Amino acid sequence: MRLPYTALILICGITATLEANSTEISYLTTAQINSDNYQDSFEAVRFRKRGEDDAPASLWEFDVSSPNDFCYNSTDKVVLWRPDAGKKGEELQMVKVDSEQEYSISWPTKRYTMAWPSSVSLIDGEYLVGIGNATNKVNLHQIPVDVDNVQNWMEKQGCMQQVKMLKEMKNSQPATGI
């Protein structure tokens, strides 16, 4: 009985197909990859760069690449974040839904973050945020000054990525007061 194994395409372009009774190795050249078979056989993959992460590094970094809720306490601390570095000339489009106020801001080249633009009013409510080919609906919530438990308040608002970060920060702090 012959059991075929999965064929692997390695970075160096070697395709290996292994079966129980034989070994076959062939080389894949760039001439064999054309637009027809690329579309059918391969999935586009964005390789991660060193230091790149799937989530913002700070509690106050607002992810523009996906629909979400974001809680903030101070407008001067909010930073816009995206998972891939900005390409030259890419524009960030923002629309405040209730007022239909539109903003267009140039994203800094090769940067993952940028400060909340001073030209855009940061107020509670729904925004449409678009960059590249993607547009996302986001909800911004200002944290009240008199709230007792910020983490619970954020959870009720749906700011789950920030709640997760708060929990991780709480768990990583050493225990005190023994």
N, C-alpha and C. Protein backbone atom coordinates (compact mmCIF):
# COMPACT_ATOMS: atom_id res chain seq x y z
N MET A 1 0.84 -1.17 0.00
CA MET A 1 0.00 0.00 0.00
C MET A 1 0.89 1.24 0.00
N ARG A 2 0.58 2.20 -0.86
CA ARG A 2 1.37 3.41 -0.97
C ARG A 2 0.59 4.57 -0.34
N LEU A 3 1.24 5.25 0.60
CA LEU A 3 0.62 6.37 1.29
C LEU A 3 1.28 7.67 0.83
N PRO A 4 0.56 8.51 0.09
CA PRO A 4 1.16 9.78 -0.32
C PRO A 4 1.22 10.77 0.84
N TYR A 5 2.26 11.54 0.87
CA TYR A 5 2.42 12.60 1.86
C TYR A 5 2.14 13.93 1.18
N THR A 6 1.91 14.94 1.96
CA THR A 6 1.64 16.27 1.43
C THR A 6 2.88 16.83 0.75
N ALA A 7 2.67 17.45 -0.39
CA ALA A 7 3.78 18.10 -1.10
C ALA A 7 4.07 19.43 -0.43
N LEU A 8 5.33 19.74 -0.25
CA LEU A 8 5.74 20.98 0.39
C LEU A 8 6.52 21.83 -0.59
N ILE A 9 6.25 23.10 -0.59
CA ILE A 9 7.06 24.03 -1.39
C ILE A 9 7.91 24.80 -0.40
N LEU A 10 9.20 24.60 -0.46
CA LEU A 10 10.12 25.24 0.45
C LEU A 10 10.54 26.59 -0.10
N ILE A 11 11.07 27.43 0.76
CA ILE A 11 11.47 28.77 0.37
C ILE A 11 12.48 28.73 -0.78
N CYS A 12 13.34 27.76 -0.81
CA CYS A 12 14.35 27.69 -1.86
C CYS A 12 13.79 27.18 -3.18
N GLY A 13 12.50 26.85 -3.25
CA GLY A 13 11.88 26.45 -4.51
C GLY A 13 11.90 24.96 -4.77
N ILE A 14 12.13 24.16 -3.76
CA ILE A 14 12.15 22.71 -3.95
C ILE A 14 10.77 22.17 -3.60
N THR A 15 10.24 21.34 -4.49
CA THR A 15 8.98 20.68 -4.21
C THR A 15 9.31 19.23 -3.89
N ALA A 16 8.84 18.73 -2.76
CA ALA A 16 9.13 17.35 -2.39
C ALA A 16 7.82 16.60 -2.21
N THR A 17 7.70 15.47 -2.91
CA THR A 17 6.56 14.59 -2.73
C THR A 17 7.11 13.26 -2.28
N LEU A 18 6.71 12.81 -1.13
CA LEU A 18 7.25 11.57 -0.57
C LEU A 18 6.14 10.53 -0.49
N GLU A 19 6.46 9.33 -0.91
CA GLU A 19 5.54 8.22 -0.76
C GLU A 19 6.27 7.14 0.02
N ALA A 20 5.55 6.16 0.49
CA ALA A 20 6.13 5.11 1.34
C ALA A 20 7.28 4.38 0.65
N ASN A 21 7.18 4.15 -0.67
CA ASN A 21 8.20 3.36 -1.36
C ASN A 21 9.10 4.16 -2.28
N SER A 22 8.89 5.48 -2.39
CA SER A 22 9.73 6.25 -3.31
C SER A 22 9.92 7.67 -2.81
N THR A 23 10.94 8.31 -3.36
CA THR A 23 11.20 9.72 -3.07
C THR A 23 11.36 10.44 -4.39
N GLU A 24 10.63 11.53 -4.55
CA GLU A 24 10.71 12.31 -5.78
C GLU A 24 10.90 13.77 -5.39
N ILE A 25 11.93 14.39 -5.94
CA ILE A 25 12.19 15.80 -5.67
C ILE A 25 12.28 16.51 -7.01
N SER A 26 11.52 17.58 -7.15
CA SER A 26 11.60 18.38 -8.38
C SER A 26 11.82 19.83 -7.99
N TYR A 27 12.30 20.62 -8.93
CA TYR A 27 12.57 22.03 -8.66
C TYR A 27 11.52 22.89 -9.34
N LEU A 28 11.02 23.86 -8.61
CA LEU A 28 10.01 24.77 -9.11
C LEU A 28 10.72 26.05 -9.54
N THR A 29 10.52 26.45 -10.77
CA THR A 29 11.16 27.66 -11.26
C THR A 29 10.12 28.78 -11.38
N THR A 30 10.60 30.01 -11.46
CA THR A 30 9.68 31.14 -11.60
C THR A 30 8.94 31.08 -12.92
N ALA A 31 9.51 30.45 -13.94
CA ALA A 31 8.83 30.32 -15.23
C ALA A 31 7.57 29.47 -15.09
N GLN A 32 7.54 28.56 -14.13
CA GLN A 32 6.38 27.71 -13.94
C GLN A 32 5.26 28.41 -13.19
N ILE A 33 5.55 29.54 -12.58
CA ILE A 33 4.53 30.29 -11.86
C ILE A 33 4.11 31.46 -12.73
N ASN A 34 2.97 31.33 -13.37
CA ASN A 34 2.44 32.45 -14.15
C ASN A 34 1.13 32.90 -13.52
N SER A 35 0.54 33.93 -14.05
CA SER A 35 -0.65 34.49 -13.42
C SER A 35 -1.80 33.50 -13.40
N ASP A 36 -1.88 32.58 -14.39
CA ASP A 36 -2.99 31.61 -14.41
C ASP A 36 -2.90 30.64 -13.25
N ASN A 37 -1.74 29.96 -13.11
CA ASN A 37 -1.65 28.96 -12.03
C ASN A 37 -1.41 29.60 -10.68
N TYR A 38 -0.93 30.83 -10.64
CA TYR A 38 -0.77 31.52 -9.36
C TYR A 38 -2.14 31.73 -8.72
N GLN A 39 -3.09 32.19 -9.52
CA GLN A 39 -4.43 32.45 -9.02
C GLN A 39 -5.09 31.17 -8.52
N ASP A 40 -4.87 30.05 -9.20
CA ASP A 40 -5.53 28.80 -8.85
C ASP A 40 -4.84 28.02 -7.75
N SER A 41 -3.52 28.10 -7.67
CA SER A 41 -2.77 27.19 -6.82
C SER A 41 -2.20 27.80 -5.55
N PHE A 42 -2.07 29.10 -5.50
CA PHE A 42 -1.40 29.72 -4.37
C PHE A 42 -2.31 30.71 -3.67
N GLU A 43 -2.10 30.87 -2.40
CA GLU A 43 -2.82 31.86 -1.62
C GLU A 43 -1.85 32.98 -1.26
N ALA A 44 -2.30 34.21 -1.44
CA ALA A 44 -1.44 35.35 -1.12
C ALA A 44 -1.19 35.39 0.37
N VAL A 45 0.06 35.54 0.74
CA VAL A 45 0.45 35.58 2.15
C VAL A 45 1.29 36.81 2.39
N ARG A 46 0.99 37.54 3.45
CA ARG A 46 1.82 38.67 3.84
C ARG A 46 2.73 38.18 4.94
N PHE A 47 4.02 38.11 4.66
CA PHE A 47 4.97 37.63 5.66
C PHE A 47 5.15 38.68 6.74
N ARG A 48 5.25 38.23 7.96
CA ARG A 48 5.41 39.13 9.10
C ARG A 48 6.84 39.66 9.14
N LYS A 49 6.96 40.92 9.42
CA LYS A 49 8.27 41.54 9.58
C LYS A 49 8.72 41.38 11.02
N ARG A 50 10.01 41.44 11.24
CA ARG A 50 10.55 41.34 12.59
C ARG A 50 9.95 42.46 13.45
N GLY A 51 9.41 42.08 14.58
CA GLY A 51 8.84 43.06 15.50
C GLY A 51 7.38 43.37 15.22
N GLU A 52 6.86 42.91 14.10
CA GLU A 52 5.46 43.18 13.78
C GLU A 52 4.57 42.27 14.62
N ASP A 53 3.45 42.78 15.03
CA ASP A 53 2.55 42.01 15.86
C ASP A 53 1.14 42.10 15.30
N ASP A 54 0.25 41.24 15.77
CA ASP A 54 -1.12 41.23 15.31
C ASP A 54 -2.02 42.12 16.14
N ALA A 55 -1.49 42.77 17.11
CA ALA A 55 -2.29 43.63 17.97
C ALA A 55 -1.47 44.86 18.36
N PRO A 56 -2.17 45.95 18.63
CA PRO A 56 -1.45 47.15 19.08
C PRO A 56 -0.64 46.87 20.35
N ALA A 57 0.45 47.60 20.52
CA ALA A 57 1.32 47.39 21.68
C ALA A 57 0.86 48.17 22.90
N SER A 58 0.09 49.21 22.70
CA SER A 58 -0.34 50.07 23.79
C SER A 58 -1.86 50.02 23.94
N LEU A 59 -2.32 50.24 25.12
CA LEU A 59 -3.75 50.27 25.42
C LEU A 59 -4.44 51.38 24.63
N TRP A 60 -3.72 52.42 24.27
CA TRP A 60 -4.32 53.58 23.61
C TRP A 60 -4.05 53.62 22.12
N GLU A 61 -3.57 52.51 21.54
CA GLU A 61 -3.40 52.42 20.10
C GLU A 61 -4.68 51.86 19.48
N PHE A 62 -5.25 52.62 18.60
CA PHE A 62 -6.53 52.33 17.97
C PHE A 62 -6.29 51.64 16.63
N ASP A 63 -6.77 50.40 16.47
CA ASP A 63 -6.57 49.59 15.28
C ASP A 63 -7.50 50.05 14.16
N VAL A 64 -6.93 50.64 13.09
CA VAL A 64 -7.74 51.11 11.96
C VAL A 64 -8.02 50.02 10.94
N SER A 65 -7.44 48.83 11.13
CA SER A 65 -7.56 47.78 10.13
C SER A 65 -8.75 46.85 10.33
N SER A 66 -9.49 47.01 11.42
CA SER A 66 -10.63 46.12 11.65
C SER A 66 -11.75 46.87 12.37
N PRO A 67 -12.99 46.41 12.15
CA PRO A 67 -14.10 47.05 12.86
C PRO A 67 -14.00 46.73 14.35
N ASN A 68 -14.20 47.73 15.19
CA ASN A 68 -14.10 47.49 16.62
C ASN A 68 -14.65 48.65 17.42
N ASP A 69 -14.66 48.48 18.72
CA ASP A 69 -14.99 49.55 19.65
C ASP A 69 -13.69 49.94 20.33
N PHE A 70 -13.52 51.23 20.58
CA PHE A 70 -12.31 51.72 21.19
C PHE A 70 -12.67 52.71 22.28
N CYS A 71 -12.12 52.49 23.47
CA CYS A 71 -12.36 53.37 24.61
C CYS A 71 -11.12 54.25 24.82
N TYR A 72 -11.35 55.50 25.14
CA TYR A 72 -10.24 56.43 25.37
C TYR A 72 -10.57 57.33 26.55
N ASN A 73 -9.52 57.81 27.21
CA ASN A 73 -9.76 58.72 28.33
C ASN A 73 -9.22 60.11 28.05
N SER A 74 -8.26 60.21 27.16
CA SER A 74 -7.65 61.50 26.86
C SER A 74 -7.36 61.56 25.36
N THR A 75 -7.78 62.61 24.71
CA THR A 75 -7.59 62.70 23.27
C THR A 75 -6.13 62.79 22.85
N ASP A 76 -5.27 63.30 23.73
CA ASP A 76 -3.86 63.44 23.36
C ASP A 76 -3.08 62.14 23.47
N LYS A 77 -3.68 61.08 24.02
CA LYS A 77 -2.98 59.80 24.14
C LYS A 77 -3.36 58.81 23.02
N VAL A 78 -4.40 59.09 22.26
CA VAL A 78 -4.87 58.15 21.24
C VAL A 78 -3.92 58.14 20.06
N VAL A 79 -3.52 56.92 19.67
CA VAL A 79 -2.61 56.70 18.54
C VAL A 79 -3.30 55.75 17.58
N LEU A 80 -3.24 56.05 16.29
CA LEU A 80 -3.78 55.16 15.27
C LEU A 80 -2.73 54.11 14.95
N TRP A 81 -3.17 52.87 14.78
CA TRP A 81 -2.25 51.75 14.54
C TRP A 81 -2.77 50.90 13.40
N ARG A 82 -1.85 50.33 12.63
CA ARG A 82 -2.21 49.35 11.59
C ARG A 82 -1.18 48.23 11.61
N PRO A 83 -1.57 47.02 11.21
CA PRO A 83 -0.66 45.88 11.32
C PRO A 83 0.46 45.85 10.29
N ASP A 84 0.36 46.67 9.24
CA ASP A 84 1.46 46.71 8.28
C ASP A 84 1.89 48.16 8.09
N ALA A 85 3.16 48.35 7.83
CA ALA A 85 3.71 49.70 7.71
C ALA A 85 3.05 50.43 6.55
N GLY A 86 2.79 51.70 6.74
CA GLY A 86 2.14 52.51 5.71
C GLY A 86 2.96 52.58 4.44
N LYS A 87 2.28 52.50 3.32
CA LYS A 87 2.93 52.63 2.03
C LYS A 87 2.92 54.10 1.63
N LYS A 88 3.85 54.47 0.80
CA LYS A 88 3.97 55.86 0.38
C LYS A 88 2.68 56.32 -0.31
N GLY A 89 2.19 57.46 0.14
CA GLY A 89 1.03 58.06 -0.50
C GLY A 89 -0.32 57.49 -0.10
N GLU A 90 -0.36 56.57 0.87
CA GLU A 90 -1.65 56.02 1.26
C GLU A 90 -2.41 57.01 2.12
N GLU A 91 -3.68 57.13 1.84
CA GLU A 91 -4.52 58.07 2.55
C GLU A 91 -5.43 57.34 3.53
N LEU A 92 -5.56 57.89 4.71
CA LEU A 92 -6.49 57.42 5.71
C LEU A 92 -7.74 58.28 5.58
N GLN A 93 -8.87 57.65 5.32
CA GLN A 93 -10.14 58.36 5.18
C GLN A 93 -10.94 58.14 6.45
N MET A 94 -11.47 59.20 7.03
CA MET A 94 -12.29 59.09 8.23
C MET A 94 -13.57 59.90 8.01
N VAL A 95 -14.70 59.29 8.40
CA VAL A 95 -15.99 59.96 8.30
C VAL A 95 -16.70 59.81 9.64
N LYS A 96 -17.08 60.92 10.26
CA LYS A 96 -17.90 60.89 11.47
C LYS A 96 -19.33 60.69 10.99
N VAL A 97 -19.93 59.52 11.30
CA VAL A 97 -21.18 59.10 10.71
C VAL A 97 -22.33 60.07 10.99
N ASP A 98 -22.51 60.50 12.23
CA ASP A 98 -23.67 61.34 12.54
C ASP A 98 -23.61 62.73 11.92
N SER A 99 -22.42 63.26 11.68
CA SER A 99 -22.30 64.58 11.08
C SER A 99 -21.88 64.53 9.61
N GLU A 100 -21.49 63.35 9.15
CA GLU A 100 -20.98 63.13 7.80
C GLU A 100 -19.75 64.00 7.50
N GLN A 101 -19.06 64.42 8.54
CA GLN A 101 -17.82 65.18 8.39
C GLN A 101 -16.73 64.24 7.87
N GLU A 102 -16.08 64.59 6.76
CA GLU A 102 -15.06 63.74 6.14
C GLU A 102 -13.67 64.32 6.34
N TYR A 103 -12.71 63.41 6.56
CA TYR A 103 -11.32 63.81 6.73
C TYR A 103 -10.44 62.89 5.88
N SER A 104 -9.38 63.43 5.32
CA SER A 104 -8.40 62.65 4.57
C SER A 104 -7.02 63.03 5.09
N ILE A 105 -6.31 62.02 5.60
CA ILE A 105 -5.00 62.25 6.21
C ILE A 105 -3.99 61.32 5.55
N SER A 106 -2.82 61.83 5.24
CA SER A 106 -1.76 61.00 4.65
C SER A 106 -1.10 60.18 5.76
N TRP A 107 -1.07 58.85 5.57
CA TRP A 107 -0.42 57.97 6.56
C TRP A 107 1.09 58.07 6.38
N PRO A 108 1.84 58.25 7.46
CA PRO A 108 3.31 58.35 7.32
C PRO A 108 3.90 57.08 6.70
N THR A 109 4.80 57.28 5.76
CA THR A 109 5.43 56.17 5.06
C THR A 109 6.22 55.28 6.01
N LYS A 110 6.04 53.98 5.85
CA LYS A 110 6.75 52.94 6.60
C LYS A 110 6.56 53.06 8.12
N ARG A 111 5.38 53.49 8.54
CA ARG A 111 5.08 53.63 9.97
C ARG A 111 3.87 52.79 10.32
N TYR A 112 3.92 52.13 11.45
CA TYR A 112 2.79 51.35 11.95
C TYR A 112 1.81 52.23 12.71
N THR A 113 2.27 53.34 13.25
CA THR A 113 1.43 54.20 14.07
C THR A 113 1.51 55.65 13.62
N MET A 114 0.50 56.39 14.02
CA MET A 114 0.52 57.83 13.88
C MET A 114 -0.41 58.41 14.93
N ALA A 115 -0.11 59.62 15.39
CA ALA A 115 -0.95 60.27 16.39
C ALA A 115 -2.32 60.55 15.79
N TRP A 116 -3.35 60.57 16.66
CA TRP A 116 -4.67 60.94 16.19
C TRP A 116 -4.55 62.33 15.55
N PRO A 117 -5.00 62.49 14.30
CA PRO A 117 -4.83 63.76 13.60
C PRO A 117 -5.53 64.92 14.32
N SER A 118 -4.84 66.01 14.49
CA SER A 118 -5.41 67.17 15.18
C SER A 118 -6.57 67.77 14.40
N SER A 119 -6.63 67.53 13.10
CA SER A 119 -7.71 68.06 12.28
C SER A 119 -9.02 67.29 12.45
N VAL A 120 -8.95 66.13 13.07
CA VAL A 120 -10.14 65.28 13.26
C VAL A 120 -10.62 65.40 14.70
N SER A 121 -11.87 65.82 14.87
CA SER A 121 -12.40 65.91 16.24
C SER A 121 -12.62 64.50 16.78
N LEU A 122 -12.12 64.27 17.97
CA LEU A 122 -12.25 62.96 18.62
C LEU A 122 -13.39 63.05 19.62
N ILE A 123 -14.53 62.54 19.22
CA ILE A 123 -15.70 62.55 20.09
C ILE A 123 -16.39 61.19 20.01
N ASP A 124 -17.17 60.88 21.03
CA ASP A 124 -17.88 59.61 21.06
C ASP A 124 -18.73 59.44 19.81
N GLY A 125 -18.85 58.19 19.40
CA GLY A 125 -19.74 57.90 18.29
C GLY A 125 -19.11 57.00 17.25
N GLU A 126 -19.83 56.86 16.16
CA GLU A 126 -19.48 55.95 15.09
C GLU A 126 -18.70 56.68 14.00
N TYR A 127 -17.62 56.03 13.57
CA TYR A 127 -16.79 56.55 12.48
C TYR A 127 -16.64 55.46 11.42
N LEU A 128 -16.48 55.88 10.19
CA LEU A 128 -16.04 54.97 9.13
C LEU A 128 -14.59 55.31 8.88
N VAL A 129 -13.73 54.28 8.92
CA VAL A 129 -12.30 54.48 8.75
C VAL A 129 -11.85 53.61 7.58
N GLY A 130 -11.21 54.22 6.61
CA GLY A 130 -10.76 53.48 5.44
C GLY A 130 -9.31 53.75 5.12
N ILE A 131 -8.61 52.67 4.78
CA ILE A 131 -7.23 52.80 4.31
C ILE A 131 -6.98 51.67 3.32
N GLY A 132 -6.33 51.97 2.24
CA GLY A 132 -6.17 50.96 1.20
C GLY A 132 -7.53 50.62 0.62
N ASN A 133 -7.84 49.33 0.53
CA ASN A 133 -9.12 48.88 -0.01
C ASN A 133 -10.14 48.55 1.06
N ALA A 134 -9.80 48.76 2.32
CA ALA A 134 -10.70 48.35 3.42
C ALA A 134 -11.32 49.55 4.10
N THR A 135 -12.61 49.43 4.41
CA THR A 135 -13.32 50.44 5.20
C THR A 135 -13.97 49.72 6.37
N ASN A 136 -13.79 50.25 7.57
CA ASN A 136 -14.34 49.64 8.78
C ASN A 136 -15.16 50.63 9.56
N LYS A 137 -16.17 50.10 10.23
CA LYS A 137 -16.99 50.92 11.11
C LYS A 137 -16.45 50.73 12.53
N VAL A 138 -16.18 51.84 13.20
CA VAL A 138 -15.66 51.79 14.56
C VAL A 138 -16.49 52.70 15.46
N ASN A 139 -16.56 52.33 16.72
CA ASN A 139 -17.27 53.12 17.72
C ASN A 139 -16.28 53.59 18.77
N LEU A 140 -16.28 54.89 19.04
CA LEU A 140 -15.39 55.46 20.05
C LEU A 140 -16.20 55.80 21.29
N HIS A 141 -15.63 55.49 22.45
CA HIS A 141 -16.29 55.72 23.74
C HIS A 141 -15.31 56.41 24.68
N GLN A 142 -15.68 57.59 25.18
CA GLN A 142 -14.83 58.28 26.15
C GLN A 142 -15.13 57.75 27.54
N ILE A 143 -14.09 57.38 28.27
CA ILE A 143 -14.22 56.83 29.62
C ILE A 143 -14.59 57.97 30.57
N PRO A 144 -15.70 57.83 31.29
CA PRO A 144 -16.07 58.88 32.24
C PRO A 144 -15.03 59.01 33.36
N VAL A 145 -14.85 60.22 33.86
CA VAL A 145 -13.87 60.49 34.91
C VAL A 145 -14.24 59.78 36.21
N ASP A 146 -15.53 59.68 36.49
CA ASP A 146 -15.98 59.16 37.78
C ASP A 146 -16.25 57.65 37.79
N VAL A 147 -15.85 56.93 36.75
CA VAL A 147 -16.11 55.48 36.72
C VAL A 147 -15.19 54.77 37.72
N ASP A 148 -15.76 53.84 38.50
CA ASP A 148 -14.99 53.13 39.53
C ASP A 148 -14.14 52.01 38.94
N ASN A 149 -14.72 51.20 38.08
CA ASN A 149 -14.01 50.06 37.52
C ASN A 149 -13.91 50.23 36.01
N VAL A 150 -12.78 50.75 35.55
CA VAL A 150 -12.57 51.05 34.14
C VAL A 150 -12.66 49.80 33.29
N GLN A 151 -12.09 48.70 33.75
CA GLN A 151 -12.10 47.46 32.98
C GLN A 151 -13.53 46.98 32.73
N ASN A 152 -14.38 46.98 33.75
CA ASN A 152 -15.77 46.57 33.57
C ASN A 152 -16.52 47.51 32.64
N TRP A 153 -16.27 48.82 32.79
CA TRP A 153 -16.92 49.80 31.93
C TRP A 153 -16.53 49.57 30.47
N MET A 154 -15.22 49.33 30.22
CA MET A 154 -14.74 49.07 28.86
C MET A 154 -15.38 47.81 28.29
N GLU A 155 -15.51 46.79 29.11
CA GLU A 155 -16.11 45.54 28.66
C GLU A 155 -17.57 45.77 28.24
N LYS A 156 -18.31 46.55 28.99
CA LYS A 156 -19.71 46.86 28.65
C LYS A 156 -19.81 47.63 27.34
N GLN A 157 -18.81 48.43 27.03
CA GLN A 157 -18.81 49.21 25.79
C GLN A 157 -18.38 48.39 24.59
N GLY A 158 -17.78 47.21 24.83
CA GLY A 158 -17.33 46.36 23.73
C GLY A 158 -15.88 46.56 23.33
N CYS A 159 -15.10 47.23 24.15
CA CYS A 159 -13.68 47.47 23.87
C CYS A 159 -12.86 46.25 24.30
N MET A 160 -13.12 45.13 23.65
CA MET A 160 -12.59 43.84 24.10
C MET A 160 -11.08 43.71 23.94
N GLN A 161 -10.51 44.29 22.90
CA GLN A 161 -9.06 44.20 22.72
C GLN A 161 -8.35 44.92 23.87
N GLN A 162 -8.89 46.05 24.29
CA GLN A 162 -8.30 46.80 25.39
C GLN A 162 -8.52 46.06 26.72
N VAL A 163 -9.68 45.45 26.90
CA VAL A 163 -9.96 44.68 28.11
C VAL A 163 -8.97 43.53 28.22
N LYS A 164 -8.72 42.87 27.10
CA LYS A 164 -7.74 41.76 27.08
C LYS A 164 -6.36 42.25 27.49
N MET A 165 -5.97 43.42 26.99
CA MET A 165 -4.66 43.98 27.35
C MET A 165 -4.60 44.32 28.83
N LEU A 166 -5.69 44.88 29.37
CA LEU A 166 -5.73 45.21 30.80
C LEU A 166 -5.57 43.95 31.65
N LYS A 167 -6.25 42.87 31.26
CA LYS A 167 -6.15 41.61 32.00
C LYS A 167 -4.72 41.06 31.95
N GLU A 168 -4.10 41.14 30.77
CA GLU A 168 -2.72 40.67 30.64
C GLU A 168 -1.77 41.50 31.50
N MET A 169 -2.00 42.81 31.52
CA MET A 169 -1.16 43.69 32.33
C MET A 169 -1.33 43.38 33.81
N LYS A 170 -2.56 43.12 34.20
CA LYS A 170 -2.86 42.80 35.61
C LYS A 170 -2.20 41.48 36.02
N ASN A 171 -2.25 40.48 35.13
CA ASN A 171 -1.66 39.17 35.40
C ASN A 171 -0.14 39.19 35.41
N SER A 172 0.46 40.12 34.67
CA SER A 172 1.94 40.16 34.59
C SER A 172 2.57 40.95 35.73
N GLN A 173 1.77 41.70 36.50
CA GLN A 173 2.32 42.45 37.62
C GLN A 173 2.58 41.53 38.81
N PRO A 174 3.72 41.67 39.46
CA PRO A 174 4.04 40.82 40.59
C PRO A 174 3.10 41.09 41.77
N ALA A 175 2.80 40.07 42.52
CA ALA A 175 1.96 40.21 43.72
C ALA A 175 2.70 40.99 44.80
N THR A 176 1.98 41.87 45.48
CA THR A 176 2.61 42.67 46.53
C THR A 176 1.80 42.55 47.80
N GLY A 177 2.36 43.00 48.91
CA GLY A 177 1.63 43.08 50.17
C GLY A 177 1.55 41.80 50.94
N ILE A 178 2.56 40.94 50.87
CA ILE A 178 2.54 39.67 51.63
C ILE A 178 2.95 39.93 53.04
